[in-house]
Amino acid sequence: AINTFAANGYTVKDKPTITTYNELVKVWWDSYKNTVKPNTRQSMEGLVRVHLLPVFGDYKLSKFTTPILQQQVNTWADKANKGEKGAFANYSLL
């Protein structure tokens, strides 16, 4: 950084390389969590941790498509509509 400043008169902060859904959520969460009230933050953290990350966390963003997302929403809807135990009844929040 010192050499860059000496050579150019400024430094540029490196942008994080985001390749997975998990990495994207981490960057998003760091900017989101302090913009909402504590109850909203707690609810959203639970939704992300319990429902989104287990399903999508390891997906490469380059492979993450609308049909993949829609298929999972349909799965959540089917389970909720059947009243299955542990179903995510509020899947529409996502």
N, C-alpha and C. Protein backbone atom coordinates (compact mmCIF):
# COMPACT_ATOMS: atom_id res chain seq x y z
N ALA A 1 0.83 -1.19 0.00
CA ALA A 1 0.00 0.00 0.00
C ALA A 1 0.87 1.25 0.00
N ILE A 2 1.96 1.22 0.76
CA ILE A 2 2.85 2.38 0.82
C ILE A 2 3.49 2.60 -0.54
N ASN A 3 3.93 1.53 -1.18
CA ASN A 3 4.54 1.65 -2.51
C ASN A 3 3.54 2.16 -3.54
N THR A 4 2.31 1.70 -3.44
CA THR A 4 1.27 2.17 -4.36
C THR A 4 1.02 3.65 -4.16
N PHE A 5 0.95 4.08 -2.90
CA PHE A 5 0.74 5.49 -2.63
C PHE A 5 1.91 6.32 -3.13
N ALA A 6 3.12 5.85 -2.89
CA ALA A 6 4.31 6.58 -3.33
C ALA A 6 4.34 6.68 -4.86
N ALA A 7 3.95 5.63 -5.54
CA ALA A 7 4.00 5.63 -7.00
C ALA A 7 2.86 6.41 -7.63
N ASN A 8 1.67 6.32 -7.04
CA ASN A 8 0.48 6.89 -7.67
C ASN A 8 -0.11 8.10 -6.94
N GLY A 9 0.25 8.28 -5.70
CA GLY A 9 -0.33 9.37 -4.92
C GLY A 9 -1.66 8.99 -4.28
N TYR A 10 -2.06 7.75 -4.42
CA TYR A 10 -3.30 7.28 -3.81
C TYR A 10 -3.23 5.75 -3.70
N THR A 11 -4.13 5.22 -2.90
CA THR A 11 -4.26 3.76 -2.80
C THR A 11 -5.69 3.39 -3.14
N VAL A 12 -5.87 2.19 -3.59
CA VAL A 12 -7.19 1.68 -3.92
C VAL A 12 -7.42 0.45 -3.06
N LYS A 13 -8.53 0.45 -2.36
CA LYS A 13 -8.86 -0.71 -1.54
C LYS A 13 -9.26 -1.85 -2.46
N ASP A 14 -8.67 -3.02 -2.22
CA ASP A 14 -9.00 -4.19 -3.03
C ASP A 14 -10.45 -4.59 -2.78
N LYS A 15 -11.15 -4.87 -3.85
CA LYS A 15 -12.52 -5.36 -3.73
C LYS A 15 -12.48 -6.84 -3.37
N PRO A 16 -13.36 -7.26 -2.46
CA PRO A 16 -13.37 -8.68 -2.12
C PRO A 16 -13.84 -9.51 -3.31
N THR A 17 -13.26 -10.66 -3.48
CA THR A 17 -13.70 -11.57 -4.52
C THR A 17 -14.83 -12.42 -3.94
N ILE A 18 -15.98 -12.31 -4.54
CA ILE A 18 -17.16 -13.02 -4.06
C ILE A 18 -17.53 -14.06 -5.10
N THR A 19 -17.42 -15.33 -4.73
CA THR A 19 -17.71 -16.39 -5.69
C THR A 19 -18.87 -17.28 -5.28
N THR A 20 -19.21 -17.31 -3.99
CA THR A 20 -20.30 -18.18 -3.53
C THR A 20 -21.41 -17.35 -2.89
N TYR A 21 -22.57 -17.97 -2.81
CA TYR A 21 -23.71 -17.33 -2.16
C TYR A 21 -23.37 -16.99 -0.71
N ASN A 22 -22.68 -17.88 -0.04
CA ASN A 22 -22.29 -17.66 1.35
C ASN A 22 -21.44 -16.39 1.49
N GLU A 23 -20.49 -16.21 0.59
CA GLU A 23 -19.64 -15.01 0.63
C GLU A 23 -20.46 -13.75 0.35
N LEU A 24 -21.39 -13.85 -0.58
CA LEU A 24 -22.26 -12.71 -0.90
C LEU A 24 -23.10 -12.32 0.31
N VAL A 25 -23.67 -13.32 0.98
CA VAL A 25 -24.49 -13.05 2.16
C VAL A 25 -23.66 -12.40 3.26
N LYS A 26 -22.44 -12.84 3.44
CA LYS A 26 -21.57 -12.24 4.47
C LYS A 26 -21.34 -10.76 4.19
N VAL A 27 -21.03 -10.42 2.96
CA VAL A 27 -20.81 -9.01 2.61
C VAL A 27 -22.11 -8.22 2.78
N TRP A 28 -23.22 -8.79 2.30
CA TRP A 28 -24.52 -8.12 2.43
C TRP A 28 -24.87 -7.93 3.91
N TRP A 29 -24.70 -8.98 4.72
CA TRP A 29 -25.07 -8.92 6.14
C TRP A 29 -24.28 -7.83 6.86
N ASP A 30 -23.00 -7.72 6.57
CA ASP A 30 -22.18 -6.71 7.23
C ASP A 30 -22.69 -5.30 6.97
N SER A 31 -23.27 -5.06 5.80
CA SER A 31 -23.79 -3.73 5.51
C SER A 31 -25.25 -3.58 5.94
N TYR A 32 -25.99 -4.67 6.01
CA TYR A 32 -27.42 -4.63 6.33
C TYR A 32 -27.72 -4.57 7.82
N LYS A 33 -26.99 -5.34 8.61
CA LYS A 33 -27.37 -5.59 10.00
C LYS A 33 -27.52 -4.34 10.86
N ASN A 34 -26.80 -3.30 10.55
CA ASN A 34 -26.89 -2.08 11.36
C ASN A 34 -27.87 -1.06 10.81
N THR A 35 -28.63 -1.45 9.79
CA THR A 35 -29.60 -0.52 9.19
C THR A 35 -31.03 -0.82 9.63
N VAL A 36 -31.20 -1.87 10.45
CA VAL A 36 -32.53 -2.27 10.88
C VAL A 36 -32.58 -2.38 12.41
N LYS A 37 -33.80 -2.42 12.91
CA LYS A 37 -34.00 -2.54 14.36
C LYS A 37 -33.59 -3.93 14.83
N PRO A 38 -33.28 -4.07 16.13
CA PRO A 38 -32.80 -5.36 16.66
C PRO A 38 -33.72 -6.54 16.37
N ASN A 39 -35.04 -6.37 16.49
CA ASN A 39 -35.94 -7.50 16.22
C ASN A 39 -35.89 -7.94 14.76
N THR A 40 -35.84 -6.96 13.86
CA THR A 40 -35.74 -7.28 12.43
C THR A 40 -34.42 -7.96 12.15
N ARG A 41 -33.35 -7.46 12.73
CA ARG A 41 -32.03 -8.05 12.54
C ARG A 41 -32.03 -9.51 13.01
N GLN A 42 -32.61 -9.76 14.17
CA GLN A 42 -32.65 -11.12 14.72
C GLN A 42 -33.48 -12.04 13.83
N SER A 43 -34.63 -11.57 13.37
CA SER A 43 -35.48 -12.38 12.50
C SER A 43 -34.78 -12.71 11.19
N MET A 44 -34.18 -11.70 10.58
CA MET A 44 -33.51 -11.90 9.30
C MET A 44 -32.30 -12.82 9.44
N GLU A 45 -31.57 -12.67 10.54
CA GLU A 45 -30.41 -13.53 10.77
C GLU A 45 -30.86 -14.99 10.85
N GLY A 46 -31.99 -15.21 11.52
CA GLY A 46 -32.52 -16.57 11.62
C GLY A 46 -32.95 -17.13 10.27
N LEU A 47 -33.64 -16.32 9.48
CA LEU A 47 -34.07 -16.76 8.15
C LEU A 47 -32.87 -17.15 7.29
N VAL A 48 -31.86 -16.31 7.32
CA VAL A 48 -30.67 -16.57 6.51
C VAL A 48 -29.95 -17.82 7.01
N ARG A 49 -29.75 -17.91 8.31
CA ARG A 49 -28.98 -19.02 8.89
C ARG A 49 -29.70 -20.36 8.77
N VAL A 50 -31.01 -20.36 9.03
CA VAL A 50 -31.76 -21.61 9.08
C VAL A 50 -32.26 -22.07 7.70
N HIS A 51 -32.64 -21.12 6.85
CA HIS A 51 -33.29 -21.50 5.59
C HIS A 51 -32.45 -21.28 4.34
N LEU A 52 -31.77 -20.16 4.25
CA LEU A 52 -31.06 -19.84 3.01
C LEU A 52 -29.68 -20.48 2.91
N LEU A 53 -28.86 -20.27 3.93
CA LEU A 53 -27.48 -20.78 3.84
C LEU A 53 -27.39 -22.30 3.73
N PRO A 54 -28.21 -23.06 4.45
CA PRO A 54 -28.11 -24.52 4.27
C PRO A 54 -28.42 -24.98 2.84
N VAL A 55 -29.28 -24.25 2.15
CA VAL A 55 -29.67 -24.64 0.80
C VAL A 55 -28.74 -24.06 -0.26
N PHE A 56 -28.44 -22.77 -0.14
CA PHE A 56 -27.72 -22.06 -1.20
C PHE A 56 -26.27 -21.71 -0.88
N GLY A 57 -25.85 -21.88 0.36
CA GLY A 57 -24.56 -21.38 0.81
C GLY A 57 -23.36 -21.72 -0.06
N ASP A 58 -23.28 -22.94 -0.54
CA ASP A 58 -22.11 -23.37 -1.32
C ASP A 58 -22.26 -23.15 -2.82
N TYR A 59 -23.42 -22.66 -3.25
CA TYR A 59 -23.60 -22.41 -4.68
C TYR A 59 -22.62 -21.37 -5.18
N LYS A 60 -22.01 -21.66 -6.31
CA LYS A 60 -21.19 -20.67 -6.99
C LYS A 60 -22.15 -19.67 -7.63
N LEU A 61 -21.88 -18.39 -7.47
CA LEU A 61 -22.76 -17.37 -8.03
C LEU A 61 -22.87 -17.51 -9.54
N SER A 62 -21.82 -17.97 -10.17
CA SER A 62 -21.85 -18.14 -11.62
C SER A 62 -22.82 -19.24 -12.05
N LYS A 63 -23.20 -20.12 -11.13
CA LYS A 63 -24.12 -21.22 -11.43
C LYS A 63 -25.51 -21.01 -10.83
N PHE A 64 -25.68 -19.95 -10.07
CA PHE A 64 -26.93 -19.67 -9.36
C PHE A 64 -27.89 -18.98 -10.32
N THR A 65 -29.00 -19.63 -10.62
CA THR A 65 -29.93 -19.11 -11.62
C THR A 65 -31.33 -18.94 -11.05
N THR A 66 -32.15 -18.21 -11.78
CA THR A 66 -33.54 -18.03 -11.38
C THR A 66 -34.27 -19.37 -11.26
N PRO A 67 -34.12 -20.30 -12.21
CA PRO A 67 -34.80 -21.59 -12.04
C PRO A 67 -34.38 -22.35 -10.79
N ILE A 68 -33.12 -22.27 -10.41
CA ILE A 68 -32.67 -22.93 -9.17
C ILE A 68 -33.37 -22.32 -7.97
N LEU A 69 -33.42 -21.01 -7.92
CA LEU A 69 -34.10 -20.32 -6.83
C LEU A 69 -35.59 -20.65 -6.82
N GLN A 70 -36.23 -20.61 -7.98
CA GLN A 70 -37.66 -20.89 -8.06
C GLN A 70 -37.98 -22.32 -7.64
N GLN A 71 -37.13 -23.25 -8.01
CA GLN A 71 -37.33 -24.64 -7.61
C GLN A 71 -37.34 -24.77 -6.08
N GLN A 72 -36.43 -24.05 -5.41
CA GLN A 72 -36.38 -24.12 -3.96
C GLN A 72 -37.59 -23.44 -3.33
N VAL A 73 -38.01 -22.31 -3.88
CA VAL A 73 -39.21 -21.64 -3.37
C VAL A 73 -40.41 -22.57 -3.52
N ASN A 74 -40.50 -23.25 -4.64
CA ASN A 74 -41.60 -24.21 -4.84
C ASN A 74 -41.55 -25.34 -3.81
N THR A 75 -40.36 -25.80 -3.49
CA THR A 75 -40.20 -26.85 -2.47
C THR A 75 -40.67 -26.35 -1.12
N TRP A 76 -40.25 -25.12 -0.76
CA TRP A 76 -40.70 -24.54 0.51
C TRP A 76 -42.22 -24.40 0.53
N ALA A 77 -42.80 -23.94 -0.58
CA ALA A 77 -44.25 -23.75 -0.66
C ALA A 77 -44.97 -25.08 -0.51
N ASP A 78 -44.50 -26.10 -1.22
CA ASP A 78 -45.14 -27.43 -1.12
C ASP A 78 -45.13 -27.94 0.31
N LYS A 79 -43.99 -27.85 0.97
CA LYS A 79 -43.88 -28.33 2.34
C LYS A 79 -44.78 -27.53 3.29
N ALA A 80 -44.81 -26.22 3.10
CA ALA A 80 -45.65 -25.38 3.96
C ALA A 80 -47.13 -25.68 3.73
N ASN A 81 -47.52 -25.83 2.47
CA ASN A 81 -48.92 -26.10 2.15
C ASN A 81 -49.38 -27.48 2.61
N LYS A 82 -48.45 -28.41 2.72
CA LYS A 82 -48.77 -29.75 3.22
C LYS A 82 -48.72 -29.80 4.75
N GLY A 83 -48.27 -28.71 5.37
CA GLY A 83 -48.19 -28.66 6.82
C GLY A 83 -47.09 -29.54 7.40
N GLU A 84 -46.05 -29.77 6.61
CA GLU A 84 -44.95 -30.62 7.09
C GLU A 84 -44.23 -29.97 8.27
N LYS A 85 -43.81 -30.82 9.19
CA LYS A 85 -43.07 -30.35 10.36
C LYS A 85 -41.77 -29.68 9.90
N GLY A 86 -41.50 -28.52 10.47
CA GLY A 86 -40.28 -27.79 10.14
C GLY A 86 -40.35 -27.02 8.84
N ALA A 87 -41.52 -27.02 8.20
CA ALA A 87 -41.67 -26.30 6.93
C ALA A 87 -41.56 -24.80 7.18
N PHE A 88 -41.06 -24.12 6.19
CA PHE A 88 -40.89 -22.67 6.27
C PHE A 88 -42.18 -22.01 5.79
N ALA A 89 -43.10 -21.76 6.72
CA ALA A 89 -44.42 -21.26 6.38
C ALA A 89 -44.38 -19.87 5.75
N ASN A 90 -43.39 -19.07 6.09
CA ASN A 90 -43.31 -17.71 5.56
C ASN A 90 -42.31 -17.61 4.41
N TYR A 91 -42.30 -18.62 3.55
CA TYR A 91 -41.35 -18.63 2.44
C TYR A 91 -41.48 -17.41 1.54
N SER A 92 -42.66 -16.78 1.54
CA SER A 92 -42.87 -15.59 0.70
C SER A 92 -42.02 -14.41 1.16
N LEU A 93 -41.50 -14.45 2.39
CA LEU A 93 -40.63 -13.38 2.87
C LEU A 93 -39.32 -13.34 2.12
N LEU A 94 -38.95 -14.45 1.55
CA LEU A 94 -37.67 -14.54 0.86
C LEU A 94 -37.82 -14.05 -0.54
